[in-house]
PDB file of N, CA and C in Angstrom:
ATOM      1  N   MET A   1       0.763  -0.880   0.364  1.00  0.00           N
ATOM      2  CA  MET A   1       0.199   0.276  -0.091  1.00  0.00           C
ATOM      3  C   MET A   1       0.795   1.207  -0.165  1.00  0.00           C
ATOM      4  N   ILE A   2       0.779   1.839  -1.071  1.00  0.00           N
ATOM      5  CA  ILE A   2       1.438   3.297  -0.707  1.00  0.00           C
ATOM      6  C   ILE A   2       0.607   4.602   0.704  1.00  0.00           C
ATOM      7  N   GLU A   3       1.371   5.436   0.996  1.00  0.00           N
ATOM      8  CA  GLU A   3       1.306   5.671   2.286  1.00  0.00           C
ATOM      9  C   GLU A   3       1.454   7.431   1.133  1.00  0.00           C
ATOM     10  N   GLU A   4       0.226   7.942   1.753  1.00  0.00           N
ATOM     11  CA  GLU A   4       0.230   9.158   0.755  1.00  0.00           C
ATOM     12  C   GLU A   4       0.770  10.537   1.952  1.00  0.00           C
ATOM     13  N   MET A   5       1.709  10.858   1.321  1.00  0.00           N
ATOM     14  CA  MET A   5       2.268  11.932   2.052  1.00  0.00           C
ATOM     15  C   MET A   5       1.701  13.225   1.713  1.00  0.00           C
ATOM     16  N   ALA A   6       1.574  14.484   2.777  1.00  0.00           N
ATOM     17  CA  ALA A   6       1.045  15.918   2.149  1.00  0.00           C
ATOM     18  C   ALA A   6       1.943  16.335   2.284  1.00  0.00           C
ATOM     19  N   LEU A   7       2.228  17.103   0.930  1.00  0.00           N
ATOM     20  CA  LEU A   7       3.218  18.216   0.393  1.00  0.00           C
ATOM     21  C   LEU A   7       3.101  19.346   1.305  1.00  0.00           C
ATOM     22  N   PRO A   8       3.881  20.120   1.576  1.00  0.00           N
ATOM     23  CA  PRO A   8       3.217  21.647   2.421  1.00  0.00           C
ATOM     24  C   PRO A   8       2.884  22.306   1.647  1.00  0.00           C
ATOM     25  N   ARG A   9       2.109  23.698   1.174  1.00  0.00           N
ATOM     26  CA  ARG A   9       1.445  24.210   0.564  1.00  0.00           C
ATOM     27  C   ARG A   9       2.737  25.047   0.739  1.00  0.00           C
ATOM     28  N   ARG A  10       2.730  26.410  -0.932  1.00  0.00           N
ATOM     29  CA  ARG A  10       3.478  26.447  -0.855  1.00  0.00           C
ATOM     30  C   ARG A  10       3.619  28.083  -1.333  1.00  0.00           C
ATOM     31  N   THR A  11       3.674  29.488  -0.435  1.00  0.00           N
ATOM     32  CA  THR A  11       3.595  30.614  -1.191  1.00  0.00           C
ATOM     33  C   THR A  11       4.347  30.639  -2.356  1.00  0.00           C
ATOM     34  N   TYR A  12       5.235  31.958  -3.083  1.00  0.00           N
ATOM     35  CA  TYR A  12       5.211  32.642  -3.761  1.00  0.00           C
ATOM     36  C   TYR A  12       5.637  34.312  -4.070  1.00  0.00           C
ATOM     37  N   THR A  13       6.898  34.259  -4.055  1.00  0.00           N
ATOM     38  CA  THR A  13       6.901  35.114  -4.755  1.00  0.00           C
ATOM     39  C   THR A  13       6.814  36.014  -5.635  1.00  0.00           C
ATOM     40  N   ALA A  14       6.017  37.707  -5.724  1.00  0.00           N
ATOM     41  CA  ALA A  14       6.256  38.602  -6.786  1.00  0.00           C
ATOM     42  C   ALA A  14       7.211  37.985  -7.841  1.00  0.00           C
ATOM     43  N   ALA A  15       8.410  37.769  -7.898  1.00  0.00           N
ATOM     44  CA  ALA A  15       9.927  37.956  -8.167  1.00  0.00           C
ATOM     45  C   ALA A  15       9.884  36.366  -8.676  1.00  0.00           C
ATOM     46  N   GLU A  16       9.028  35.177  -7.902  1.00  0.00           N
ATOM     47  CA  GLU A  16       9.324  33.926  -8.631  1.00  0.00           C
ATOM     48  C   GLU A  16       8.383  33.694  -9.819  1.00  0.00           C
ATOM     49  N   VAL A  17       6.919  34.753  -9.675  1.00  0.00           N
ATOM     50  CA  VAL A  17       6.289  34.655 -10.044  1.00  0.00           C
ATOM     51  C   VAL A  17       6.489  35.329 -11.787  1.00  0.00           C
ATOM     52  N   ASP A  18       6.624  36.377 -11.801  1.00  0.00           N
ATOM     53  CA  ASP A  18       7.339  36.684 -13.068  1.00  0.00           C
ATOM     54  C   ASP A  18       8.322  35.706 -13.796  1.00  0.00           C
ATOM     55  N   SER A  19       9.008  35.938 -12.821  1.00  0.00           N
ATOM     56  CA  SER A  19      10.290  34.508 -13.583  1.00  0.00           C
ATOM     57  C   SER A  19      10.056  33.521 -14.263  1.00  0.00           C
ATOM     58  N   ALA A  20       8.754  32.520 -12.944  1.00  0.00           N
ATOM     59  CA  ALA A  20       8.126  31.732 -14.007  1.00  0.00           C
ATOM     60  C   ALA A  20       6.502  32.379 -15.260  1.00  0.00           C
ATOM     61  N   VAL A  21       6.298  33.270 -15.053  1.00  0.00           N
ATOM     62  CA  VAL A  21       5.947  33.852 -16.952  1.00  0.00           C
ATOM     63  C   VAL A  21       7.011  34.472 -17.889  1.00  0.00           C
ATOM     64  N   ALA A  22       7.875  34.481 -17.160  1.00  0.00           N
ATOM     65  CA  ALA A  22       9.058  34.892 -18.177  1.00  0.00           C
ATOM     66  C   ALA A  22       9.688  33.363 -18.772  1.00  0.00           C
ATOM     67  N   ASN A  23       8.977  32.658 -17.675  1.00  0.00           N
ATOM     68  CA  ASN A  23       9.953  31.169 -19.159  1.00  0.00           C
ATOM     69  C   ASN A  23       9.381  30.786 -19.386  1.00  0.00           C
ATOM     70  N   LEU A  24       7.851  31.037 -19.522  1.00  0.00           N
ATOM     71  CA  LEU A  24       6.412  29.892 -20.226  1.00  0.00           C
ATOM     72  C   LEU A  24       6.445  31.255 -22.101  1.00  0.00           C
ATOM     73  N   ALA A  25       7.531  32.053 -22.331  1.00  0.00           N
ATOM     74  CA  ALA A  25       8.068  32.733 -23.146  1.00  0.00           C
ATOM     75  C   ALA A  25       8.099  31.386 -24.379  1.00  0.00           C
ATOM     76  N   ASP A  26       8.703  30.524 -23.818  1.00  0.00           N
ATOM     77  CA  ASP A  26       9.755  29.395 -24.465  1.00  0.00           C
ATOM     78  C   ASP A  26       8.258  28.739 -25.008  1.00  0.00           C
ATOM     79  N   PRO A  27       8.447  28.372 -26.689  1.00  0.00           N
ATOM     80  CA  PRO A  27       7.325  27.549 -27.419  1.00  0.00           C
ATOM     81  C   PRO A  27       7.202  25.587 -26.578  1.00  0.00           C
ATOM     82  N   GLU A  28       8.351  25.174 -26.442  1.00  0.00           N
ATOM     83  CA  GLU A  28       8.769  23.800 -26.014  1.00  0.00           C
ATOM     84  C   GLU A  28       7.289  24.084 -24.812  1.00  0.00           C
ATOM     85  N   ARG A  29       8.210  24.649 -23.946  1.00  0.00           N
ATOM     86  CA  ARG A  29       7.311  24.598 -22.876  1.00  0.00           C
ATOM     87  C   ARG A  29       5.895  24.217 -22.481  1.00  0.00           C
ATOM     88  N   PHE A  30       5.234  24.646 -23.741  1.00  0.00           N
ATOM     89  CA  PHE A  30       3.761  24.000 -23.976  1.00  0.00           C
ATOM     90  C   PHE A  30       3.658  22.461 -24.546  1.00  0.00           C
ATOM     91  N   GLY A  31       4.556  21.470 -24.968  1.00  0.00           N
ATOM     92  CA  GLY A  31       4.685  20.567 -25.635  1.00  0.00           C
ATOM     93  C   GLY A  31       3.709  19.290 -24.985  1.00  0.00           C
ATOM     94  N   HIS A  32       3.682  18.889 -23.734  1.00  0.00           N
ATOM     95  CA  HIS A  32       3.196  18.679 -22.549  1.00  0.00           C
ATOM     96  C   HIS A  32       2.586  18.523 -22.178  1.00  0.00           C
ATOM     97  N   ALA A  33       2.377  19.908 -21.679  1.00  0.00           N
ATOM     98  CA  ALA A  33       0.845  20.489 -21.149  1.00  0.00           C
ATOM     99  C   ALA A  33      -0.623  20.442 -21.758  1.00  0.00           C
ATOM    100  N   THR A  34       0.009  20.697 -23.211  1.00  0.00           N
ATOM    101  CA  THR A  34      -0.972  21.040 -24.085  1.00  0.00           C
ATOM    102  C   THR A  34      -1.212  19.684 -24.144  1.00  0.00           C
ATOM    103  N   GLU A  35      -1.014  18.212 -24.087  1.00  0.00           N
ATOM    104  CA  GLU A  35      -1.121  17.068 -24.913  1.00  0.00           C
ATOM    105  C   GLU A  35      -2.415  17.027 -22.600  1.00  0.00           C
ATOM    106  N   ILE A  36      -1.952  17.195 -21.913  1.00  0.00           N
ATOM    107  CA  ILE A  36      -1.814  16.988 -20.961  1.00  0.00           C
ATOM    108  C   ILE A  36      -3.760  17.992 -20.778  1.00  0.00           C
ATOM    109  N   VAL A  37      -3.561  18.844 -20.690  1.00  0.00           N
ATOM    110  CA  VAL A  37      -4.844  19.950 -21.059  1.00  0.00           C
ATOM    111  C   VAL A  37      -5.653  19.763 -21.528  1.00  0.00           C
ATOM    112  N   THR A  38      -5.584  19.104 -23.039  1.00  0.00           N
ATOM    113  CA  THR A  38      -6.344  18.753 -24.377  1.00  0.00           C
ATOM    114  C   THR A  38      -7.333  17.153 -23.950  1.00  0.00           C
ATOM    115  N   HIS A  39      -6.386  16.600 -23.191  1.00  0.00           N
ATOM    116  CA  HIS A  39      -7.177  15.262 -22.632  1.00  0.00           C
ATOM    117  C   HIS A  39      -8.230  15.379 -21.564  1.00  0.00           C
ATOM    118  N   ALA A  40      -7.526  16.930 -20.649  1.00  0.00           N
ATOM    119  CA  ALA A  40      -8.592  16.687 -19.353  1.00  0.00           C
ATOM    120  C   ALA A  40      -9.387  18.179 -19.787  1.00  0.00           C
ATOM    121  N   ALA A  41      -9.673  18.790 -20.890  1.00  0.00           N
ATOM    122  CA  ALA A  41     -10.222  19.708 -21.296  1.00  0.00           C
ATOM    123  C   ALA A  41     -11.462  19.294 -20.850  1.00  0.00           C
ATOM    124  N   PRO A  42     -12.765  18.622 -21.002  1.00  0.00           N
ATOM    125  CA  PRO A  42     -14.057  18.539 -21.302  1.00  0.00           C
ATOM    126  C   PRO A  42     -14.310  18.506 -19.629  1.00  0.00           C
ATOM    127  N   SER A  43     -13.239  17.433 -18.546  1.00  0.00           N
ATOM    128  CA  SER A  43     -13.767  17.604 -17.235  1.00  0.00           C
ATOM    129  C   SER A  43     -12.971  19.341 -16.750  1.00  0.00           C
ATOM    130  N   LEU A  44     -11.865  19.419 -17.058  1.00  0.00           N
ATOM    131  CA  LEU A  44     -12.419  21.514 -17.003  1.00  0.00           C
ATOM    132  C   LEU A  44     -12.562  22.353 -17.401  1.00  0.00           C
ATOM    133  N   ALA A  45     -13.349  22.321 -18.351  1.00  0.00           N
ATOM    134  CA  ALA A  45     -14.532  23.361 -18.801  1.00  0.00           C
ATOM    135  C   ALA A  45     -15.570  22.756 -17.547  1.00  0.00           C
ATOM    136  N   GLY A  46     -15.628  21.941 -17.038  1.00  0.00           N
ATOM    137  CA  GLY A  46     -17.279  21.472 -16.598  1.00  0.00           C
ATOM    138  C   GLY A  46     -16.652  22.299 -14.556  1.00  0.00           C
ATOM    139  N   VAL A  47     -15.703  22.342 -14.090  1.00  0.00           N
ATOM    140  CA  VAL A  47     -14.843  22.585 -13.049  1.00  0.00           C
ATOM    141  C   VAL A  47     -15.055  23.981 -13.793  1.00  0.00           C
ATOM    142  N   LEU A  48     -13.948  24.879 -15.060  1.00  0.00           N
ATOM    143  CA  LEU A  48     -14.579  26.250 -15.030  1.00  0.00           C
ATOM    144  C   LEU A  48     -15.690  26.961 -14.871  1.00  0.00           C
ATOM    145  N   ASP A  49     -16.431  26.317 -15.327  1.00  0.00           N
ATOM    146  CA  ASP A  49     -18.035  26.325 -15.517  1.00  0.00           C
ATOM    147  C   ASP A  49     -18.748  26.934 -14.994  1.00  0.00           C
ATOM    148  N   ARG A  50     -18.422  26.001 -13.081  1.00  0.00           N
ATOM    149  CA  ARG A  50     -18.458  25.284 -12.359  1.00  0.00           C
ATOM    150  C   ARG A  50     -18.212  26.577 -10.801  1.00  0.00           C
ATOM    151  N   ALA A  51     -17.403  27.233 -11.333  1.00  0.00           N
ATOM    152  CA  ALA A  51     -16.578  28.278 -10.929  1.00  0.00           C
ATOM    153  C   ALA A  51     -17.079  29.837 -11.407  1.00  0.00           C
ATOM    154  N   LEU A  52     -17.476  29.439 -12.833  1.00  0.00           N
ATOM    155  CA  LEU A  52     -17.863  30.583 -12.399  1.00  0.00           C
ATOM    156  C   LEU A  52     -18.870  31.352 -12.558  1.00  0.00           C
ATOM    157  N   THR A  53     -19.695  30.598 -12.243  1.00  0.00           N
ATOM    158  CA  THR A  53     -21.231  30.102 -11.425  1.00  0.00           C
ATOM    159  C   THR A  53     -21.409  29.975 -10.224  1.00  0.00           C
ATOM    160  N   GLU A  54     -20.809  29.389  -9.638  1.00  0.00           N
ATOM    161  CA  GLU A  54     -20.842  29.775  -8.538  1.00  0.00           C
ATOM    162  C   GLU A  54     -19.589  31.876  -8.051  1.00  0.00           C
ATOM    163  N   GLY A  55     -18.766  32.079  -8.437  1.00  0.00           N
ATOM    164  CA  GLY A  55     -18.380  32.859  -8.315  1.00  0.00           C
ATOM    165  C   GLY A  55     -19.448  34.604  -9.449  1.00  0.00           C
ATOM    166  N   GLY A  56     -20.001  33.994  -9.255  1.00  0.00           N
ATOM    167  CA  GLY A  56     -21.924  35.189 -10.287  1.00  0.00           C
ATOM    168  C   GLY A  56     -21.249  35.821 -10.939  1.00  0.00           C
ATOM    169  N   TRP A  57     -20.631  35.096 -12.370  1.00  0.00           N
ATOM    170  CA  TRP A  57     -20.532  35.892 -12.865  1.00  0.00           C
ATOM    171  C   TRP A  57     -21.506  35.221 -14.397  1.00  0.00           C
ATOM    172  N   TYR A  58     -21.626  34.401 -14.696  1.00  0.00           N
ATOM    173  CA  TYR A  58     -22.629  33.267 -14.910  1.00  0.00           C
ATOM    174  C   TYR A  58     -24.450  33.592 -13.637  1.00  0.00           C
ATOM    175  N   GLY A  59     -25.192  34.095 -14.756  1.00  0.00           N
ATOM    176  CA  GLY A  59     -26.480  33.943 -13.816  1.00  0.00           C
ATOM    177  C   GLY A  59     -27.305  35.235 -14.431  1.00  0.00           C
ATOM    178  N   ASP A  60     -27.895  35.937 -13.451  1.00  0.00           N
ATOM    179  CA  ASP A  60     -28.992  37.418 -13.250  1.00  0.00           C
ATOM    180  C   ASP A  60     -28.049  38.410 -14.064  1.00  0.00           C
ATOM    181  N   ALA A  61     -26.999  38.722 -13.489  1.00  0.00           N
ATOM    182  CA  ALA A  61     -26.004  39.612 -14.408  1.00  0.00           C
ATOM    183  C   ALA A  61     -25.813  39.683 -14.780  1.00  0.00           C
ATOM    184  N   HIS A  62     -25.264  38.066 -15.378  1.00  0.00           N
ATOM    185  CA  HIS A  62     -24.531  38.602 -16.832  1.00  0.00           C
ATOM    186  C   HIS A  62     -25.722  38.115 -18.096  1.00  0.00           C
ATOM    187  N   ASP A  63     -26.965  38.004 -17.466  1.00  0.00           N
ATOM    188  CA  ASP A  63     -27.555  37.801 -18.113  1.00  0.00           C
ATOM    189  C   ASP A  63     -28.058  38.861 -18.346  1.00  0.00           C
ATOM    190  N   GLU A  64     -28.078  40.152 -17.626  1.00  0.00           N
ATOM    191  CA  GLU A  64     -28.705  41.603 -17.625  1.00  0.00           C
ATOM    192  C   GLU A  64     -27.613  42.506 -18.514  1.00  0.00           C
ATOM    193  N   LEU A  65     -26.183  41.894 -18.661  1.00  0.00           N
ATOM    194  CA  LEU A  65     -25.145  42.542 -19.371  1.00  0.00           C
ATOM    195  C   LEU A  65     -25.313  41.762 -20.497  1.00  0.00           C
ATOM    196  N   LEU A  66     -25.338  40.801 -20.951  1.00  0.00           N
ATOM    197  CA  LEU A  66     -25.808  40.211 -22.575  1.00  0.00           C
ATOM    198  C   LEU A  66     -26.933  41.252 -22.803  1.00  0.00           C
ATOM    199  N   GLU A  67     -28.246  41.010 -22.407  1.00  0.00           N
ATOM    200  CA  GLU A  67     -29.229  41.661 -22.320  1.00  0.00           C
ATOM    201  C   GLU A  67     -28.892  43.523 -23.064  1.00  0.00           C
ATOM    202  N   ARG A  68     -28.276  44.459 -22.471  1.00  0.00           N
ATOM    203  CA  ARG A  68     -27.900  45.701 -22.350  1.00  0.00           C
ATOM    204  C   ARG A  68     -26.980  45.854 -23.268  1.00  0.00           C
ATOM    205  N   ALA A  69     -26.466  44.639 -23.759  1.00  0.00           N
ATOM    206  CA  ALA A  69     -25.547  44.584 -25.090  1.00  0.00           C
ATOM    207  C   ALA A  69     -26.163  44.536 -26.584  1.00  0.00           C
ATOM    208  N   SER A  70     -26.881  43.891 -26.209  1.00  0.00           N
ATOM    209  CA  SER A  70     -27.368  42.547 -27.576  1.00  0.00           C
ATOM    210  C   SER A  70     -28.622  44.072 -27.725  1.00  0.00           C
ATOM    211  N   GLY A  71     -28.831  44.864 -26.892  1.00  0.00           N
ATOM    212  CA  GLY A  71     -29.588  45.425 -26.810  1.00  0.00           C
ATOM    213  C   GLY A  71     -30.269  47.362 -27.397  1.00  0.00           C
ATOM    214  N   GLU A  72     -28.321  47.556 -27.935  1.00  0.00           N
ATOM    215  CA  GLU A  72     -28.060  49.317 -27.962  1.00  0.00           C
ATOM    216  C   GLU A  72     -28.308  49.317 -29.644  1.00  0.00           C
ATOM    217  N   ALA A  73     -29.789  49.814 -29.402  1.00  0.00           N
ATOM    218  CA  ALA A  73     -30.030  50.364 -30.899  1.00  0.00           C
ATOM    219  C   ALA A  73     -28.869  50.630 -31.474  1.00  0.00           C
ATOM    220  N   ASP A  74     -27.681  51.980 -31.267  1.00  0.00           N
ATOM    221  CA  ASP A  74     -26.658  51.932 -32.234  1.00  0.00           C
ATOM    222  C   ASP A  74     -25.973  50.757 -32.891  1.00  0.00           C
ATOM    223  N   PRO A  75     -25.500  50.975 -33.863  1.00  0.00           N
ATOM    224  CA  PRO A  75     -24.150  49.252 -33.809  1.00  0.00           C
ATOM    225  C   PRO A  75     -23.023  49.449 -33.735  1.00  0.00           C
ATOM    226  N   THR A  76     -22.159  50.798 -33.318  1.00  0.00           N
ATOM    227  CA  THR A  76     -21.403  50.657 -33.069  1.00  0.00           C
ATOM    228  C   THR A  76     -21.515  50.868 -31.265  1.00  0.00           C
ATOM    229  N   ALA A  77     -22.666  51.256 -30.504  1.00  0.00           N
ATOM    230  CA  ALA A  77     -22.657  51.315 -29.414  1.00  0.00           C
ATOM    231  C   ALA A  77     -22.921  49.686 -28.973  1.00  0.00           C
ATOM    232  N   ARG A  78     -23.421  49.655 -30.009  1.00  0.00           N
ATOM    233  CA  ARG A  78     -23.633  47.585 -29.248  1.00  0.00           C
ATOM    234  C   ARG A  78     -22.263  46.990 -29.344  1.00  0.00           C
ATOM    235  N   LEU A  79     -21.855  47.178 -30.191  1.00  0.00           N
ATOM    236  CA  LEU A  79     -20.379  46.208 -30.737  1.00  0.00           C
ATOM    237  C   LEU A  79     -19.359  46.772 -29.863  1.00  0.00           C
ATOM    238  N   ALA A  80     -19.415  47.780 -29.125  1.00  0.00           N
ATOM    239  CA  ALA A  80     -18.581  48.273 -28.258  1.00  0.00           C
ATOM    240  C   ALA A  80     -18.709  47.717 -27.078  1.00  0.00           C
ATOM    241  N   ALA A  81     -20.071  47.596 -26.800  1.00  0.00           N
ATOM    242  CA  ALA A  81     -20.653  46.956 -25.915  1.00  0.00           C
ATOM    243  C   ALA A  81     -20.077  45.674 -25.381  1.00  0.00           C
ATOM    244  N   LEU A  82     -20.851  44.717 -26.397  1.00  0.00           N
ATOM    245  CA  LEU A  82     -19.940  43.229 -26.516  1.00  0.00           C
ATOM    246  C   LEU A  82     -18.879  42.708 -26.474  1.00  0.00           C
ATOM    247  N   ARG A  83     -18.381  44.074 -27.188  1.00  0.00           N
ATOM    248  CA  ARG A  83     -16.514  43.646 -27.170  1.00  0.00           C
ATOM    249  C   ARG A  83     -16.044  43.852 -25.336  1.00  0.00           C
ATOM    250  N   ALA A  84     -16.721  44.716 -24.787  1.00  0.00           N
ATOM    251  CA  ALA A  84     -16.280  45.153 -23.441  1.00  0.00           C
ATOM    252  C   ALA A  84     -16.455  43.780 -23.159  1.00  0.00           C
ATOM    253  N   LEU A  85     -17.790  43.039 -22.897  1.00  0.00           N
ATOM    254  CA  LEU A  85     -18.608  42.311 -22.454  1.00  0.00           C
ATOM    255  C   LEU A  85     -17.814  41.228 -22.624  1.00  0.00           C
ATOM    256  N   ILE A  86     -17.117  40.264 -23.859  1.00  0.00           N
ATOM    257  CA  ILE A  86     -16.297  39.977 -24.441  1.00  0.00           C
ATOM    258  C   ILE A  86     -14.994  39.546 -23.649  1.00  0.00           C
ATOM    259  N   ASP A  87     -14.681  41.393 -23.700  1.00  0.00           N
ATOM    260  CA  ASP A  87     -12.950  41.160 -22.859  1.00  0.00           C
ATOM    261  C   ASP A  87     -13.361  41.070 -21.701  1.00  0.00           C
ATOM    262  N   GLU A  88     -13.992  41.290 -20.872  1.00  0.00           N
ATOM    263  CA  GLU A  88     -14.473  41.037 -19.805  1.00  0.00           C
ATOM    264  C   GLU A  88     -14.687  39.781 -19.212  1.00  0.00           C
ATOM    265  N   GLN A  89     -15.536  38.904 -20.005  1.00  0.00           N
ATOM    266  CA  GLN A  89     -15.452  37.474 -19.667  1.00  0.00           C
ATOM    267  C   GLN A  89     -14.185  37.082 -20.216  1.00  0.00           C
ATOM    268  N   THR A  90     -13.346  37.169 -21.260  1.00  0.00           N
ATOM    269  CA  THR A  90     -12.317  36.369 -21.781  1.00  0.00           C
ATOM    270  C   THR A  90     -11.192  36.432 -19.976  1.00  0.00           C
ATOM    271  N   ARG A  91     -11.226  38.184 -19.322  1.00  0.00           N
ATOM    272  CA  ARG A  91     -10.168  37.880 -18.426  1.00  0.00           C
ATOM    273  C   ARG A  91     -10.697  37.412 -17.128  1.00  0.00           C
ATOM    274  N   VAL A  92     -12.349  37.145 -16.475  1.00  0.00           N
ATOM    275  CA  VAL A  92     -12.645  36.551 -15.251  1.00  0.00           C
ATOM    276  C   VAL A  92     -12.311  34.936 -16.403  1.00  0.00           C
ATOM    277  N   GLY A  93     -12.531  34.231 -17.341  1.00  0.00           N
ATOM    278  CA  GLY A  93     -12.522  33.256 -16.935  1.00  0.00           C
ATOM    279  C   GLY A  93     -10.822  32.638 -17.702  1.00  0.00           C
ATOM    280  N   MET A  94      -9.970  33.668 -17.635  1.00  0.00           N
ATOM    281  CA  MET A  94      -8.628  33.725 -17.769  1.00  0.00           C
ATOM    282  C   MET A  94      -8.007  33.485 -16.074  1.00  0.00           C
ATOM    283  N   LEU A  95      -8.077  34.232 -15.418  1.00  0.00           N
ATOM    284  CA  LEU A  95      -8.409  34.079 -13.944  1.00  0.00           C
ATOM    285  C   LEU A  95      -9.033  32.815 -13.035  1.00  0.00           C
ATOM    286  N   VAL A  96     -10.128  32.600 -13.550  1.00  0.00           N
ATOM    287  CA  VAL A  96     -10.212  32.167 -12.709  1.00  0.00           C
ATOM    288  C   VAL A  96     -10.075  30.604 -13.550  1.00  0.00           C
ATOM    289  N   GLY A  97      -9.420  30.039 -14.488  1.00  0.00           N
ATOM    290  CA  GLY A  97      -8.457  29.106 -15.475  1.00  0.00           C
ATOM    291  C   GLY A  97      -6.943  28.694 -14.339  1.00  0.00           C
ATOM    292  N   VAL A  98      -7.066  30.057 -13.999  1.00  0.00           N
ATOM    293  CA  VAL A  98      -4.967  29.662 -13.979  1.00  0.00           C
ATOM    294  C   VAL A  98      -4.846  29.292 -11.736  1.00  0.00           C
ATOM    295  N   ALA A  99      -6.519  29.898 -11.589  1.00  0.00           N
ATOM    296  CA  ALA A  99      -6.785  29.182 -10.385  1.00  0.00           C
ATOM    297  C   ALA A  99      -6.484  27.859 -10.094  1.00  0.00           C
ATOM    298  N   VAL A 100      -7.711  27.344 -11.469  1.00  0.00           N
ATOM    299  CA  VAL A 100      -7.675  25.706 -11.891  1.00  0.00           C
ATOM    300  C   VAL A 100      -6.397  24.539 -11.623  1.00  0.00           C
ATOM    301  N   GLY A 101      -5.699  25.903 -12.502  1.00  0.00           N
ATOM    302  CA  GLY A 101      -4.701  25.323 -13.151  1.00  0.00           C
ATOM    303  C   GLY A 101      -3.523  25.174 -11.528  1.00  0.00           C
ATOM    304  N   PHE A 102      -3.701  25.933 -10.874  1.00  0.00           N
ATOM    305  CA  PHE A 102      -2.566  26.208  -9.511  1.00  0.00           C
ATOM    306  C   PHE A 102      -3.116  24.610  -9.004  1.00  0.00           C
ATOM    307  N   GLU A 103      -4.432  25.087  -8.492  1.00  0.00           N
ATOM    308  CA  GLU A 103      -5.246  23.745  -7.488  1.00  0.00           C
ATOM    309  C   GLU A 103      -4.803  21.823  -8.617  1.00  0.00           C
ATOM    310  N   LEU A 104      -5.239  22.260 -10.036  1.00  0.00           N
ATOM    311  CA  LEU A 104      -4.337  21.168 -10.473  1.00  0.00           C
ATOM    312  C   LEU A 104      -2.727  21.025 -10.020  1.00  0.00           C
ATOM    313  N   ALA A 105      -2.183  21.907 -10.206  1.00  0.00           N
ATOM    314  CA  ALA A 105      -0.414  21.328  -9.820  1.00  0.00           C
ATOM    315  C   ALA A 105      -0.096  20.866  -8.630  1.00  0.00           C
ATOM    316  N   SER A 106      -1.606  21.536  -7.948  1.00  0.00           N
ATOM    317  CA  SER A 106      -1.171  20.995  -6.505  1.00  0.00           C
ATOM    318  C   SER A 106      -1.733  19.500  -6.026  1.00  0.00           C
ATOM    319  N   GLU A 107      -2.170  19.297  -7.192  1.00  0.00           N
ATOM    320  CA  GLU A 107      -3.362  17.788  -6.932  1.00  0.00           C
ATOM    321  C   GLU A 107      -2.553  16.902  -7.508  1.00  0.00           C
ATOM    322  N   LEU A 108      -1.799  17.442  -8.514  1.00  0.00           N
ATOM    323  CA  LEU A 108      -1.085  16.625  -9.576  1.00  0.00           C
ATOM    324  C   LEU A 108       0.630  16.059  -8.425  1.00  0.00           C
ATOM    325  N   ALA A 109       0.960  17.354  -8.222  1.00  0.00           N
ATOM    326  CA  ALA A 109       2.296  17.070  -6.850  1.00  0.00           C
ATOM    327  C   ALA A 109       2.412  16.387  -5.942  1.00  0.00           C
ATOM    328  N   ALA A 110       0.625  16.373  -5.133  1.00  0.00           N
ATOM    329  CA  ALA A 110       1.182  15.504  -4.928  1.00  0.00           C
ATOM    330  C   ALA A 110       0.436  13.729  -4.389  1.00  0.00           C
ATOM    331  N   THR A 111       0.156  13.400  -6.100  1.00  0.00           N
ATOM    332  CA  THR A 111       0.420  12.043  -6.213  1.00  0.00           C
ATOM    333  C   THR A 111       1.735  11.591  -5.920  1.00  0.00           C
ATOM    334  N   PRO A 112       1.481  10.592  -5.804  1.00  0.00           N
ATOM    335  CA  PRO A 112       2.790   9.429  -5.746  1.00  0.00           C
ATOM    336  C   PRO A 112       3.598   9.629  -6.881  1.00  0.00           C
ATOM    337  N   GLU A 113       4.899   9.560  -7.093  1.00  0.00           N
ATOM    338  CA  GLU A 113       5.301   9.806  -7.610  1.00  0.00           C
ATOM    339  C   GLU A 113       5.132   7.527  -8.648  1.00  0.00           C
ATOM    340  N   THR A 114       4.793   6.727  -7.833  1.00  0.00           N
ATOM    341  CA  THR A 114       4.819   5.922  -8.729  1.00  0.00           C
ATOM    342  C   THR A 114       3.302   5.809  -9.142  1.00  0.00           C
ATOM    343  N   LEU A 115       2.529   6.110  -8.920  1.00  0.00           N
ATOM    344  CA  LEU A 115       1.249   6.366  -9.292  1.00  0.00           C
ATOM    345  C   LEU A 115       1.233   7.207 -10.496  1.00  0.00           C
ATOM    346  N   LYS A 116       1.669   8.255 -10.549  1.00  0.00           N
ATOM    347  CA  LYS A 116       2.299   9.245 -12.265  1.00  0.00           C
ATOM    348  C   LYS A 116       2.725   8.209 -13.675  1.00  0.00           C
ATOM    349  N   GLN A 117       4.204   7.262 -12.451  1.00  0.00           N
ATOM    350  CA  GLN A 117       4.467   6.101 -13.577  1.00  0.00           C
ATOM    351  C   GLN A 117       4.043   5.269 -14.332  1.00  0.00           C
ATOM    352  N   GLU A 118       2.628   4.696 -13.744  1.00  0.00           N
ATOM    353  CA  GLU A 118       1.640   4.196 -13.714  1.00  0.00           C
ATOM    354  C   GLU A 118       0.539   3.899 -15.270  1.00  0.00           C
ATOM    355  N   SER A 119       0.293   5.946 -15.223  1.00  0.00           N
ATOM    356  CA  SER A 119      -0.777   5.690 -15.902  1.00  0.00           C
ATOM    357  C   SER A 119      -0.017   6.668 -17.184  1.00  0.00           C
TER     358      SER A 119
END
């Protein structure tokens, strides 16, 4: 039987995060990550949807913003409102996605090495 050992939670400095983000500029870094995310995409989409719903992004407020943006009489104002809504939704989705990624990384880091090799 494999004993699970809880890894200590880690915090990161701004400098560590800046360095890690800068390292992401290397396109080769995404090969394996792309494979894993593609595999997990359906499940991750569900996690993201739940997080956005529970965070209040989806629901009455979101529907109201959609109605307001799509109901603009002036085509230029309607397009600007829709762009603003899409931009905001993209930002929120990205932020929630990063949070989900952090937690996924923590879960994977806590997986015993022998289980990782069996998959």
